Amino acid sequence: AYTLREDELFLLEQACRVADTLALLEAGMKGADLIVAGSMGQLREHPLLSEARQQRALLGRFLAQLQLPDEDGLTTASAQARHAAPAAAL
């Protein structure tokens, strides 16, 4: 449904790679404890939690850079502005 430029295709490819990595991280966490023992025996979050969080943030940045329109034909930025406008008028 979209015609993408070469730079946008690159961003989309990178977003897909990040999504694949995120799926692997989530699969690795399936059934794992969220809190694990660190190198000195201290309790800490599972290291894959932090990496998954970073990958989600990266995916969000890639997708935002694509500025694909939503179902109303508005880009993400213009859709956010549209939703914020009524609140700003109060």
C-alpha atoms as a PDB file:
ATOM      1  CA  ALA A   1       0.000   0.000   0.000  1.00  0.00           C
ATOM      2  CA  TYR A   2       3.049   2.283   0.351  1.00  0.00           C
ATOM      3  CA  THR A   3       5.648   3.461  -2.108  1.00  0.00           C
ATOM      4  CA  LEU A   4       8.905   3.834  -0.225  1.00  0.00           C
ATOM      5  CA  ARG A   5      12.109   5.580  -1.209  1.00  0.00           C
ATOM      6  CA  GLU A   6      15.405   3.718  -0.948  1.00  0.00           C
ATOM      7  CA  ASP A   7      16.233   5.337   2.406  1.00  0.00           C
ATOM      8  CA  GLU A   8      12.788   4.392   3.725  1.00  0.00           C
ATOM      9  CA  LEU A   9      13.243   0.817   2.526  1.00  0.00           C
ATOM     10  CA  PHE A  10      16.523   0.722   4.459  1.00  0.00           C
ATOM     11  CA  LEU A  11      14.747   1.944   7.614  1.00  0.00           C
ATOM     12  CA  LEU A  12      12.019  -0.647   7.120  1.00  0.00           C
ATOM     13  CA  GLU A  13      14.617  -3.395   6.694  1.00  0.00           C
ATOM     14  CA  GLN A  14      16.381  -2.288   9.877  1.00  0.00           C
ATOM     15  CA  ALA A  15      13.051  -2.190  11.739  1.00  0.00           C
ATOM     16  CA  CYS A  16      12.336  -5.749  10.580  1.00  0.00           C
ATOM     17  CA  ARG A  17      15.754  -6.913  11.784  1.00  0.00           C
ATOM     18  CA  VAL A  18      15.163  -5.311  15.173  1.00  0.00           C
ATOM     19  CA  ALA A  19      11.715  -6.936  15.347  1.00  0.00           C
ATOM     20  CA  ASP A  20      13.341 -10.323  14.623  1.00  0.00           C
ATOM     21  CA  THR A  21      15.937  -9.722  17.344  1.00  0.00           C
ATOM     22  CA  LEU A  22      13.204  -8.714  19.764  1.00  0.00           C
ATOM     23  CA  ALA A  23      11.289 -11.911  18.998  1.00  0.00           C
ATOM     24  CA  LEU A  24      14.415 -13.962  19.762  1.00  0.00           C
ATOM     25  CA  LEU A  25      14.966 -12.098  23.032  1.00  0.00           C
ATOM     26  CA  GLU A  26      11.360 -12.647  24.066  1.00  0.00           C
ATOM     27  CA  ALA A  27      11.616 -16.334  23.184  1.00  0.00           C
ATOM     28  CA  GLY A  28      14.778 -16.541  25.297  1.00  0.00           C
ATOM     29  CA  MET A  29      12.929 -15.028  28.238  1.00  0.00           C
ATOM     30  CA  LYS A  30       9.938 -17.370  27.972  1.00  0.00           C
ATOM     31  CA  GLY A  31       9.682 -19.206  31.262  1.00  0.00           C
ATOM     32  CA  ALA A  32      12.800 -17.510  32.656  1.00  0.00           C
ATOM     33  CA  ASP A  33      12.905 -15.755  35.998  1.00  0.00           C
ATOM     34  CA  LEU A  34      12.799 -11.963  35.720  1.00  0.00           C
ATOM     35  CA  ILE A  35      15.208 -11.657  38.665  1.00  0.00           C
ATOM     36  CA  VAL A  36      18.495 -13.582  38.537  1.00  0.00           C
ATOM     37  CA  ALA A  37      21.701 -13.766  40.551  1.00  0.00           C
ATOM     38  CA  GLY A  38      24.429 -11.394  39.373  1.00  0.00           C
ATOM     39  CA  SER A  39      28.138 -12.130  39.192  1.00  0.00           C
ATOM     40  CA  MET A  40      28.549 -11.425  42.910  1.00  0.00           C
ATOM     41  CA  GLY A  41      25.369 -13.237  43.921  1.00  0.00           C
ATOM     42  CA  GLN A  42      23.303 -10.051  44.104  1.00  0.00           C
ATOM     43  CA  LEU A  43      19.759 -10.048  42.748  1.00  0.00           C
ATOM     44  CA  ARG A  44      19.293  -8.201  39.477  1.00  0.00           C
ATOM     45  CA  GLU A  45      16.939  -8.150  36.536  1.00  0.00           C
ATOM     46  CA  HIS A  46      17.512 -10.716  33.826  1.00  0.00           C
ATOM     47  CA  PRO A  47      19.947  -9.179  31.284  1.00  0.00           C
ATOM     48  CA  LEU A  48      17.616  -9.960  28.387  1.00  0.00           C
ATOM     49  CA  LEU A  49      15.003  -7.612  29.895  1.00  0.00           C
ATOM     50  CA  SER A  50      17.276  -4.629  29.430  1.00  0.00           C
ATOM     51  CA  GLU A  51      18.229  -5.644  25.911  1.00  0.00           C
ATOM     52  CA  ALA A  52      14.584  -6.195  24.950  1.00  0.00           C
ATOM     53  CA  ARG A  53      13.736  -2.734  26.297  1.00  0.00           C
ATOM     54  CA  GLN A  54      16.522  -1.204  24.196  1.00  0.00           C
ATOM     55  CA  GLN A  55      15.393  -3.083  21.099  1.00  0.00           C
ATOM     56  CA  ARG A  56      11.793  -1.895  21.590  1.00  0.00           C
ATOM     57  CA  ALA A  57      12.997   1.702  21.827  1.00  0.00           C
ATOM     58  CA  LEU A  58      15.099   1.272  18.687  1.00  0.00           C
ATOM     59  CA  LEU A  59      12.161  -0.262  16.829  1.00  0.00           C
ATOM     60  CA  GLY A  60       9.988   2.670  17.854  1.00  0.00           C
ATOM     61  CA  ARG A  61      12.574   5.147  16.556  1.00  0.00           C
ATOM     62  CA  PHE A  62      12.882   3.357  13.212  1.00  0.00           C
ATOM     63  CA  LEU A  63       9.118   3.209  12.769  1.00  0.00           C
ATOM     64  CA  ALA A  64       8.713   6.865  13.743  1.00  0.00           C
ATOM     65  CA  GLN A  65      11.360   7.844  11.181  1.00  0.00           C
ATOM     66  CA  LEU A  66       9.313   6.146   8.463  1.00  0.00           C
ATOM     67  CA  GLN A  67       6.399   8.521   9.192  1.00  0.00           C
ATOM     68  CA  LEU A  68       3.872   6.130   7.673  1.00  0.00           C
ATOM     69  CA  PRO A  69       0.325   7.487   7.606  1.00  0.00           C
ATOM     70  CA  ASP A  70      -2.299   6.004   9.902  1.00  0.00           C
ATOM     71  CA  GLU A  71      -5.740   4.880   8.720  1.00  0.00           C
ATOM     72  CA  ASP A  72      -6.860   8.533   8.465  1.00  0.00           C
ATOM     73  CA  GLY A  73      -3.970   9.346   6.132  1.00  0.00           C
ATOM     74  CA  LEU A  74      -2.127  11.326   8.821  1.00  0.00           C
ATOM     75  CA  THR A  75       1.486  10.687   9.734  1.00  0.00           C
ATOM     76  CA  THR A  76       2.246   9.744  13.317  1.00  0.00           C
ATOM     77  CA  ALA A  77       3.374  13.303  14.128  1.00  0.00           C
ATOM     78  CA  SER A  78       0.291  14.922  12.645  1.00  0.00           C
ATOM     79  CA  ALA A  79      -1.983  12.382  14.338  1.00  0.00           C
ATOM     80  CA  GLN A  80      -0.376  13.199  17.696  1.00  0.00           C
ATOM     81  CA  ALA A  81      -0.819  16.927  17.051  1.00  0.00           C
ATOM     82  CA  ARG A  82      -4.455  16.354  16.123  1.00  0.00           C
ATOM     83  CA  HIS A  83      -5.112  14.497  19.372  1.00  0.00           C
ATOM     84  CA  ALA A  84      -3.196  17.061  21.445  1.00  0.00           C
ATOM     85  CA  ALA A  85      -5.019  20.085  19.988  1.00  0.00           C
ATOM     86  CA  PRO A  86      -8.281  19.647  21.956  1.00  0.00           C
ATOM     87  CA  ALA A  87      -6.342  19.268  25.223  1.00  0.00           C
ATOM     88  CA  ALA A  88      -4.306  22.404  24.486  1.00  0.00           C
ATOM     89  CA  ALA A  89      -7.505  24.392  23.912  1.00  0.00           C
ATOM     90  CA  LEU A  90      -8.658  23.767  27.502  1.00  0.00           C
END
